[in-house]
Amino acid sequence: MNLFRVLSVLLAVTVVLVSGCKSVPDAAEGGEESNRFASLLEGDYRIGVDDRIQITVWRNPELSTTVPVRPDGKISVPLIGDVQAGGNTPTQVAAIIKEKLSAYIREPNVAVILTELRSHEFLSRVRVTGAVRTPRSMPYRPGMTVLDAVLEAGGVNDFASPNRTKLYRKGKTKTDIFDVDLADILTKGKLESNFDLKPGDVVTVPERIF
């Protein structure tokens, strides 16, 4: 790994640690978010609209910038203008910028780093619906369980039938449905059906049948 690559990775980790609530999560947190973080450093993530990226041109700070991806999927880069970012990986965008800058700079070194993941914000949420006190759409957090989500929604209301709770998880071809014995979890501490959640999961607590 050359010096420029090492510095680029260190810069990416620094940005992650100081960014706000919508920034890329720390790899040490584990789970799905850790996998996503790892993919960023490996260059596999496909940039989307509203993502925010940092462009660093080695020894040319006047060309370095941090920009959002516009609705048309493009970004504006000093000196060379618009560059297609949406649908490409950071590595691919860096290569495009490098090629365009080569007309003005001899052998430019370019790094593209994602600082905020905004295009996938809603795909990364967990939702709790039905007979809870406050139906919620909440950000997914590594380690979150069904019980965590229900408690964050204020718990079940007086009309709930908690042992008929369902967890819905959308797969590639179908939606998987899991039975959750929420009453047993809440009152008896039986955690067998207290499933770990994944981004996009929906927990539904039905009302009692009178």
Foldseek 3Di string as FASTA:
>chain_A
DDPVLVVLVVVQQVLQVPDDPQWQHDLVQDDPSVVVVVCLSVQNDFDAAQFKKWKDKPPCVVFTDIFGQHPVQWTQTPPQGIDRRGRGTQVVSQVVVQVSCVVPDPRIHMGMGTTGDDVCQLQQWEWEDEQAPATDTGGDGPPDWPVNNRVVRVHGDPFWPQQQKWKWDDDPPGIDIDGAHRVCCVPVVDCPRRDGDGRPMYIYIYGDDD
